[in-house]
């Protein structure tokens, strides 16, 4: 994989743009005063998707000497969600840099995209807390989830 590999442009609101899926539910506690899901809950749904993806790929282990830390998080709210609901969180790799990588997530209720999320991670050494370059194995597992054209 060459340095700075990016995924082909694909519609983030299309479920076909994602290769990894995590089930999630809307909890009653996720609601705000006007009866729809609060913005903070969308961030929690995205966190569940990211954590599952990082465990699945081996990029997150509590005993590891290398860690992935969030350096940027963007959420675009597209549709209201209500209780009760079953959700699916789609995760894909958008970009693989030297010391960082970017994940794109979609929060779906059925086929409807309720939110899209972009998260940039830096890869750091667990002891020095400084950024380190992604190794070949990390690049390869992230590349498996780059969006297909």
N, C-alpha and C. Protein backbone atom coordinates (compact mmCIF):
# COMPACT_ATOMS: atom_id res chain seq x y z
N UNK A 1 0.86 -1.17 0.00
CA UNK A 1 0.00 0.00 0.00
C UNK A 1 0.90 1.22 0.00
N UNK A 2 0.68 2.12 -0.88
CA UNK A 2 1.49 3.33 -0.96
C UNK A 2 1.10 4.29 0.15
N UNK A 3 2.03 5.16 0.50
CA UNK A 3 1.77 6.17 1.52
C UNK A 3 0.64 7.07 1.05
N UNK A 4 -0.26 7.39 1.96
CA UNK A 4 -1.32 8.32 1.63
C UNK A 4 -2.43 7.72 0.79
N UNK A 5 -2.72 6.43 0.95
CA UNK A 5 -3.78 5.80 0.17
C UNK A 5 -5.14 6.28 0.65
N UNK A 6 -6.00 6.64 -0.29
CA UNK A 6 -7.35 7.09 0.02
C UNK A 6 -8.36 6.23 -0.70
N UNK A 7 -9.54 6.14 -0.10
CA UNK A 7 -10.62 5.36 -0.70
C UNK A 7 -11.23 6.13 -1.86
N UNK A 8 -11.74 5.39 -2.85
CA UNK A 8 -12.50 6.06 -3.91
C UNK A 8 -13.71 6.75 -3.31
N UNK A 9 -14.16 7.81 -3.94
CA UNK A 9 -15.32 8.53 -3.44
C UNK A 9 -16.55 7.65 -3.57
N UNK A 10 -17.29 7.50 -2.49
CA UNK A 10 -18.54 6.74 -2.49
C UNK A 10 -19.51 7.48 -1.58
N UNK A 11 -20.78 7.37 -1.87
CA UNK A 11 -21.81 8.05 -1.12
C UNK A 11 -21.87 7.51 0.31
N UNK A 12 -21.54 8.34 1.28
CA UNK A 12 -21.51 7.93 2.68
C UNK A 12 -22.88 7.55 3.21
N UNK A 13 -23.95 7.95 2.52
CA UNK A 13 -25.30 7.62 2.98
C UNK A 13 -25.82 6.33 2.36
N UNK A 14 -25.01 5.68 1.53
CA UNK A 14 -25.39 4.43 0.88
C UNK A 14 -24.83 3.24 1.66
N UNK A 15 -25.68 2.34 2.15
CA UNK A 15 -25.16 1.19 2.90
C UNK A 15 -24.13 0.36 2.13
N UNK A 16 -24.20 0.36 0.82
CA UNK A 16 -23.25 -0.41 0.01
C UNK A 16 -21.82 0.13 0.12
N UNK A 17 -21.65 1.32 0.67
CA UNK A 17 -20.32 1.92 0.80
C UNK A 17 -19.53 1.36 1.99
N UNK A 18 -20.15 0.49 2.80
CA UNK A 18 -19.51 0.00 4.02
C UNK A 18 -19.26 -1.49 3.94
N UNK A 19 -18.13 -1.90 4.54
CA UNK A 19 -17.74 -3.31 4.51
C UNK A 19 -17.84 -3.99 5.87
N UNK A 20 -17.94 -3.24 6.93
CA UNK A 20 -17.98 -3.82 8.28
C UNK A 20 -19.20 -3.24 8.98
N UNK A 21 -19.96 -4.09 9.66
CA UNK A 21 -21.21 -3.67 10.29
C UNK A 21 -21.28 -4.08 11.76
N UNK A 22 -21.88 -3.20 12.56
CA UNK A 22 -22.08 -3.43 13.99
C UNK A 22 -23.54 -3.14 14.31
N UNK A 23 -24.25 -4.07 14.98
CA UNK A 23 -25.63 -3.78 15.37
C UNK A 23 -25.66 -2.87 16.61
N UNK A 24 -26.68 -2.06 16.71
CA UNK A 24 -26.84 -1.14 17.85
C UNK A 24 -28.34 -0.94 18.05
N UNK A 25 -28.74 -0.48 19.23
CA UNK A 25 -30.15 -0.17 19.48
C UNK A 25 -30.27 1.24 20.05
N UNK A 26 -31.43 1.84 19.83
CA UNK A 26 -31.75 3.11 20.48
C UNK A 26 -32.33 2.76 21.85
N UNK A 27 -31.75 3.35 22.89
CA UNK A 27 -32.22 3.16 24.25
C UNK A 27 -33.12 4.33 24.65
N UNK A 28 -34.03 4.09 25.56
CA UNK A 28 -34.90 5.16 26.04
C UNK A 28 -34.06 6.32 26.60
N UNK A 29 -32.96 5.98 27.24
CA UNK A 29 -32.08 7.00 27.83
C UNK A 29 -31.41 7.88 26.77
N UNK A 30 -31.47 7.48 25.51
CA UNK A 30 -30.87 8.26 24.42
C UNK A 30 -31.72 9.45 24.00
N UNK A 31 -32.96 9.52 24.49
CA UNK A 31 -33.89 10.57 24.05
C UNK A 31 -33.63 11.89 24.75
N UNK A 32 -34.00 12.97 24.06
CA UNK A 32 -33.92 14.30 24.66
C UNK A 32 -35.33 14.78 25.02
N UNK A 33 -35.45 16.03 25.42
CA UNK A 33 -36.73 16.57 25.89
C UNK A 33 -37.82 16.63 24.83
N UNK A 34 -37.44 16.63 23.55
CA UNK A 34 -38.48 16.70 22.52
C UNK A 34 -38.79 15.32 21.91
N UNK A 35 -38.21 14.26 22.51
CA UNK A 35 -38.59 12.91 22.14
C UNK A 35 -37.82 12.25 21.03
N UNK A 36 -36.78 12.91 20.53
CA UNK A 36 -35.94 12.21 19.55
C UNK A 36 -34.57 11.95 20.15
N UNK A 37 -33.77 11.15 19.45
CA UNK A 37 -32.45 10.79 19.96
C UNK A 37 -31.57 12.03 20.04
N UNK A 38 -30.94 12.22 21.20
CA UNK A 38 -30.06 13.35 21.46
C UNK A 38 -28.76 13.22 20.67
N UNK A 39 -28.17 14.36 20.33
CA UNK A 39 -26.94 14.35 19.54
C UNK A 39 -25.82 13.56 20.20
N UNK A 40 -25.73 13.55 21.51
CA UNK A 40 -24.66 12.81 22.19
C UNK A 40 -24.78 11.31 21.96
N UNK A 41 -26.02 10.82 21.77
CA UNK A 41 -26.21 9.39 21.53
C UNK A 41 -25.62 8.99 20.18
N UNK A 42 -25.72 9.85 19.18
CA UNK A 42 -25.12 9.55 17.88
C UNK A 42 -23.61 9.33 18.04
N UNK A 43 -22.98 10.15 18.88
CA UNK A 43 -21.55 10.00 19.13
C UNK A 43 -21.26 8.66 19.81
N UNK A 44 -22.15 8.24 20.70
CA UNK A 44 -21.99 6.96 21.37
C UNK A 44 -22.16 5.80 20.39
N UNK A 45 -23.13 5.90 19.48
CA UNK A 45 -23.31 4.86 18.47
C UNK A 45 -22.05 4.74 17.61
N UNK A 46 -21.50 5.88 17.22
CA UNK A 46 -20.27 5.88 16.42
C UNK A 46 -19.12 5.26 17.20
N UNK A 47 -19.04 5.57 18.49
CA UNK A 47 -17.99 4.99 19.33
C UNK A 47 -18.10 3.46 19.35
N UNK A 48 -19.32 2.95 19.45
CA UNK A 48 -19.52 1.49 19.44
C UNK A 48 -19.02 0.89 18.14
N UNK A 49 -19.32 1.54 17.03
CA UNK A 49 -18.86 1.06 15.73
C UNK A 49 -17.35 1.10 15.61
N UNK A 50 -16.76 2.23 16.03
CA UNK A 50 -15.29 2.36 15.96
C UNK A 50 -14.60 1.32 16.82
N UNK A 51 -15.07 1.16 18.06
CA UNK A 51 -14.43 0.22 18.99
C UNK A 51 -14.51 -1.21 18.45
N UNK A 52 -15.66 -1.60 17.93
CA UNK A 52 -15.81 -2.95 17.38
C UNK A 52 -14.88 -3.14 16.18
N UNK A 53 -14.80 -2.12 15.32
CA UNK A 53 -13.92 -2.20 14.15
C UNK A 53 -12.46 -2.32 14.57
N UNK A 54 -12.03 -1.51 15.53
CA UNK A 54 -10.64 -1.55 15.97
C UNK A 54 -10.31 -2.90 16.61
N UNK A 55 -11.24 -3.47 17.38
CA UNK A 55 -11.01 -4.81 17.93
C UNK A 55 -10.95 -5.85 16.81
N UNK A 56 -11.88 -5.75 15.87
CA UNK A 56 -11.94 -6.69 14.75
C UNK A 56 -10.64 -6.69 13.94
N UNK A 57 -10.08 -5.54 13.72
CA UNK A 57 -8.87 -5.42 12.90
C UNK A 57 -7.58 -5.64 13.69
N UNK A 58 -7.67 -5.71 15.02
CA UNK A 58 -6.49 -5.86 15.85
C UNK A 58 -5.78 -4.55 16.13
N UNK A 59 -6.39 -3.43 15.75
CA UNK A 59 -5.77 -2.12 15.99
C UNK A 59 -6.04 -1.60 17.40
N UNK A 60 -6.83 -2.34 18.17
CA UNK A 60 -7.09 -1.94 19.56
C UNK A 60 -6.99 -3.16 20.45
N UNK A 61 -5.98 -3.14 21.29
CA UNK A 61 -5.82 -4.13 22.35
C UNK A 61 -5.31 -3.39 23.57
N UNK A 62 -5.90 -3.66 24.70
CA UNK A 62 -5.52 -2.95 25.93
C UNK A 62 -4.07 -3.23 26.33
N UNK A 63 -3.53 -4.39 25.97
CA UNK A 63 -2.17 -4.75 26.36
C UNK A 63 -1.12 -4.36 25.31
N UNK A 64 -1.53 -3.65 24.30
CA UNK A 64 -0.63 -3.33 23.18
C UNK A 64 0.33 -2.19 23.53
N UNK A 65 1.45 -2.17 22.82
CA UNK A 65 2.43 -1.08 22.95
C UNK A 65 2.11 0.08 22.02
N UNK A 66 1.13 -0.13 21.13
CA UNK A 66 0.72 0.91 20.18
C UNK A 66 -0.77 1.12 20.34
N UNK A 67 -1.20 2.37 20.21
CA UNK A 67 -2.61 2.70 20.39
C UNK A 67 -3.09 3.62 19.27
N UNK A 68 -4.40 3.62 19.07
CA UNK A 68 -5.04 4.54 18.14
C UNK A 68 -5.81 5.58 18.95
N UNK A 69 -5.50 6.86 18.74
CA UNK A 69 -6.19 7.93 19.48
C UNK A 69 -6.87 8.87 18.49
N UNK A 70 -8.05 9.33 18.87
CA UNK A 70 -8.81 10.23 18.00
C UNK A 70 -8.20 11.63 18.06
N UNK A 71 -7.96 12.19 16.87
CA UNK A 71 -7.47 13.57 16.78
C UNK A 71 -8.48 14.49 16.11
N UNK A 72 -9.50 13.90 15.49
CA UNK A 72 -10.56 14.70 14.86
C UNK A 72 -11.82 13.85 14.76
N UNK A 73 -12.97 14.47 15.03
CA UNK A 73 -14.25 13.79 14.95
C UNK A 73 -15.29 14.74 14.37
N UNK A 74 -15.93 14.31 13.28
CA UNK A 74 -16.98 15.11 12.63
C UNK A 74 -18.25 14.26 12.56
N UNK A 75 -19.38 14.86 12.91
CA UNK A 75 -20.67 14.17 12.80
C UNK A 75 -21.61 15.05 12.00
N UNK A 76 -22.20 14.47 10.96
CA UNK A 76 -23.25 15.15 10.19
C UNK A 76 -24.56 14.44 10.50
N UNK A 77 -25.47 15.18 11.13
CA UNK A 77 -26.78 14.65 11.49
C UNK A 77 -27.69 14.80 10.28
N UNK A 78 -28.26 13.68 9.80
CA UNK A 78 -29.03 13.69 8.56
C UNK A 78 -30.52 13.41 8.77
N UNK A 79 -30.86 12.60 9.76
CA UNK A 79 -32.26 12.25 10.03
C UNK A 79 -32.46 12.07 11.53
N UNK A 80 -33.67 12.34 11.97
CA UNK A 80 -34.02 12.07 13.36
C UNK A 80 -34.12 10.56 13.59
N UNK A 81 -33.80 10.16 14.80
CA UNK A 81 -34.03 8.80 15.25
C UNK A 81 -34.97 8.84 16.44
N UNK A 82 -35.75 7.77 16.61
CA UNK A 82 -36.71 7.70 17.71
C UNK A 82 -36.61 6.34 18.39
N UNK A 83 -37.11 6.28 19.60
CA UNK A 83 -37.17 5.05 20.37
C UNK A 83 -38.49 4.36 20.11
N UNK A 84 -38.52 3.05 20.00
CA UNK A 84 -37.40 2.11 19.91
C UNK A 84 -36.93 1.98 18.46
N UNK A 85 -35.70 1.56 18.29
CA UNK A 85 -35.20 1.34 16.93
C UNK A 85 -33.96 0.45 16.98
N UNK A 86 -33.84 -0.38 15.97
CA UNK A 86 -32.62 -1.16 15.77
C UNK A 86 -31.80 -0.45 14.70
N UNK A 87 -30.52 -0.29 14.98
CA UNK A 87 -29.62 0.43 14.08
C UNK A 87 -28.52 -0.49 13.59
N UNK A 88 -27.86 -0.04 12.52
CA UNK A 88 -26.64 -0.69 12.03
C UNK A 88 -25.61 0.41 11.83
N UNK A 89 -24.40 0.16 12.31
CA UNK A 89 -23.31 1.10 12.14
C UNK A 89 -22.35 0.51 11.12
N UNK A 90 -22.21 1.19 9.99
CA UNK A 90 -21.27 0.76 8.96
C UNK A 90 -19.94 1.48 9.15
N UNK A 91 -18.84 0.75 8.94
CA UNK A 91 -17.50 1.32 9.11
C UNK A 91 -16.68 1.02 7.87
N UNK A 92 -15.90 2.02 7.43
CA UNK A 92 -15.01 1.85 6.29
C UNK A 92 -13.77 2.69 6.50
N UNK A 93 -12.70 2.32 5.83
CA UNK A 93 -11.47 3.11 5.84
C UNK A 93 -11.56 4.13 4.71
N UNK A 94 -11.29 5.38 5.04
CA UNK A 94 -11.30 6.44 4.04
C UNK A 94 -9.90 6.84 3.59
N UNK A 95 -8.93 6.77 4.51
CA UNK A 95 -7.57 7.23 4.18
C UNK A 95 -6.57 6.53 5.10
N UNK A 96 -5.42 6.19 4.53
CA UNK A 96 -4.32 5.61 5.30
C UNK A 96 -3.10 6.50 5.08
N UNK A 97 -2.68 7.18 6.12
CA UNK A 97 -1.52 8.05 6.05
C UNK A 97 -0.29 7.38 6.65
N UNK A 98 0.76 8.14 6.85
CA UNK A 98 1.99 7.59 7.45
C UNK A 98 1.80 7.28 8.92
N UNK A 99 1.21 8.23 9.66
CA UNK A 99 1.04 8.09 11.11
C UNK A 99 -0.41 8.16 11.55
N UNK A 100 -1.30 8.21 10.59
CA UNK A 100 -2.72 8.34 10.92
C UNK A 100 -3.57 7.59 9.91
N UNK A 101 -4.82 7.41 10.28
CA UNK A 101 -5.79 6.82 9.35
C UNK A 101 -7.16 7.43 9.65
N UNK A 102 -8.02 7.39 8.65
CA UNK A 102 -9.35 7.99 8.76
C UNK A 102 -10.40 6.93 8.50
N UNK A 103 -11.37 6.86 9.42
CA UNK A 103 -12.51 5.97 9.26
C UNK A 103 -13.75 6.78 8.95
N UNK A 104 -14.61 6.23 8.11
CA UNK A 104 -15.92 6.79 7.86
C UNK A 104 -16.96 5.84 8.41
N UNK A 105 -17.99 6.39 9.04
CA UNK A 105 -19.05 5.57 9.60
C UNK A 105 -20.39 6.09 9.14
N UNK A 106 -21.34 5.19 9.01
CA UNK A 106 -22.72 5.55 8.72
C UNK A 106 -23.62 4.92 9.77
N UNK A 107 -24.53 5.70 10.31
CA UNK A 107 -25.50 5.19 11.29
C UNK A 107 -26.82 5.04 10.56
N UNK A 108 -27.29 3.79 10.45
CA UNK A 108 -28.46 3.48 9.63
C UNK A 108 -29.60 2.92 10.45
N UNK A 109 -30.81 3.37 10.13
CA UNK A 109 -32.05 2.76 10.60
C UNK A 109 -32.72 2.19 9.36
N UNK A 110 -32.69 0.87 9.23
CA UNK A 110 -33.10 0.27 7.96
C UNK A 110 -32.11 0.68 6.89
N UNK A 111 -32.61 1.19 5.78
CA UNK A 111 -31.75 1.66 4.70
C UNK A 111 -31.52 3.17 4.76
N UNK A 112 -32.10 3.81 5.76
CA UNK A 112 -32.00 5.27 5.89
C UNK A 112 -30.80 5.65 6.74
N UNK A 113 -29.97 6.54 6.21
CA UNK A 113 -28.80 7.01 6.94
C UNK A 113 -29.20 8.17 7.85
N UNK A 114 -29.03 7.97 9.15
CA UNK A 114 -29.37 9.00 10.13
C UNK A 114 -28.20 9.94 10.40
N UNK A 115 -26.98 9.46 10.22
CA UNK A 115 -25.80 10.30 10.45
C UNK A 115 -24.59 9.69 9.75
N UNK A 116 -23.66 10.56 9.38
CA UNK A 116 -22.36 10.11 8.89
C UNK A 116 -21.30 10.70 9.80
N UNK A 117 -20.23 9.94 9.97
CA UNK A 117 -19.19 10.31 10.92
C UNK A 117 -17.83 10.10 10.25
N UNK A 118 -16.93 11.05 10.43
CA UNK A 118 -15.55 10.91 9.98
C UNK A 118 -14.67 11.04 11.21
N UNK A 119 -13.79 10.05 11.40
CA UNK A 119 -12.89 10.04 12.55
C UNK A 119 -11.46 9.87 12.08
N UNK A 120 -10.59 10.78 12.48
CA UNK A 120 -9.16 10.68 12.17
C UNK A 120 -8.45 10.19 13.42
N UNK A 121 -7.66 9.15 13.26
CA UNK A 121 -6.87 8.58 14.34
C UNK A 121 -5.39 8.80 14.09
N UNK A 122 -4.64 9.04 15.15
CA UNK A 122 -3.18 8.99 15.11
C UNK A 122 -2.78 7.68 15.76
N UNK A 123 -1.74 7.08 15.26
CA UNK A 123 -1.19 5.86 15.86
C UNK A 123 -0.06 6.31 16.76
N UNK A 124 -0.09 5.91 18.05
CA UNK A 124 0.93 6.38 18.99
C UNK A 124 1.62 5.21 19.69
N UNK A 125 2.82 5.48 20.16
CA UNK A 125 3.56 4.57 21.02
C UNK A 125 2.94 4.65 22.41
N UNK A 126 2.67 3.50 23.01
CA UNK A 126 2.02 3.47 24.31
C UNK A 126 2.86 4.00 25.45
N UNK A 127 4.17 4.04 25.29
CA UNK A 127 5.04 4.51 26.36
C UNK A 127 5.38 5.99 26.20
N UNK A 128 5.84 6.37 25.03
CA UNK A 128 6.26 7.77 24.81
C UNK A 128 5.08 8.68 24.53
N UNK A 129 3.95 8.10 24.09
CA UNK A 129 2.74 8.85 23.71
C UNK A 129 2.98 9.73 22.49
N UNK A 130 3.97 9.40 21.70
CA UNK A 130 4.26 10.13 20.47
C UNK A 130 3.75 9.34 19.27
N UNK A 131 3.43 10.08 18.21
CA UNK A 131 2.95 9.45 16.98
C UNK A 131 4.04 8.55 16.40
N UNK A 132 3.60 7.40 15.89
CA UNK A 132 4.50 6.46 15.22
C UNK A 132 3.89 6.12 13.86
N UNK A 133 4.73 5.64 12.97
CA UNK A 133 4.25 5.26 11.64
C UNK A 133 3.46 3.96 11.72
N UNK A 134 2.44 3.88 10.89
CA UNK A 134 1.70 2.63 10.76
C UNK A 134 2.63 1.57 10.19
N UNK A 135 2.58 0.36 10.73
CA UNK A 135 3.42 -0.69 10.16
C UNK A 135 2.68 -1.37 9.00
N UNK A 136 3.37 -2.26 8.32
CA UNK A 136 2.79 -2.90 7.12
C UNK A 136 1.53 -3.69 7.44
N UNK A 137 1.51 -4.39 8.58
CA UNK A 137 0.34 -5.18 8.95
C UNK A 137 -0.86 -4.27 9.22
N UNK A 138 -0.63 -3.15 9.89
CA UNK A 138 -1.72 -2.20 10.17
C UNK A 138 -2.26 -1.60 8.87
N UNK A 139 -1.36 -1.25 7.98
CA UNK A 139 -1.78 -0.72 6.68
C UNK A 139 -2.62 -1.75 5.91
N UNK A 140 -2.17 -3.00 5.95
CA UNK A 140 -2.86 -4.05 5.19
C UNK A 140 -4.28 -4.27 5.71
N UNK A 141 -4.46 -4.32 7.02
CA UNK A 141 -5.80 -4.56 7.57
C UNK A 141 -6.71 -3.37 7.30
N UNK A 142 -6.18 -2.17 7.36
CA UNK A 142 -6.99 -0.99 7.02
C UNK A 142 -7.34 -0.97 5.54
N UNK A 143 -6.40 -1.39 4.71
CA UNK A 143 -6.64 -1.40 3.26
C UNK A 143 -7.77 -2.37 2.88
N UNK A 144 -7.95 -3.42 3.66
CA UNK A 144 -9.05 -4.37 3.39
C UNK A 144 -10.42 -3.69 3.47
N UNK A 145 -10.49 -2.57 4.16
CA UNK A 145 -11.77 -1.89 4.37
C UNK A 145 -11.87 -0.58 3.61
N UNK A 146 -10.90 -0.32 2.70
CA UNK A 146 -11.04 0.83 1.81
C UNK A 146 -12.26 0.61 0.93
N UNK A 147 -12.98 1.66 0.64
CA UNK A 147 -14.21 1.54 -0.13
C UNK A 147 -13.91 1.14 -1.56
N UNK A 148 -14.68 0.18 -2.07
CA UNK A 148 -14.54 -0.24 -3.47
C UNK A 148 -15.21 0.79 -4.37
N UNK A 149 -14.70 0.95 -5.61
CA UNK A 149 -15.33 1.91 -6.53
C UNK A 149 -16.74 1.49 -6.92
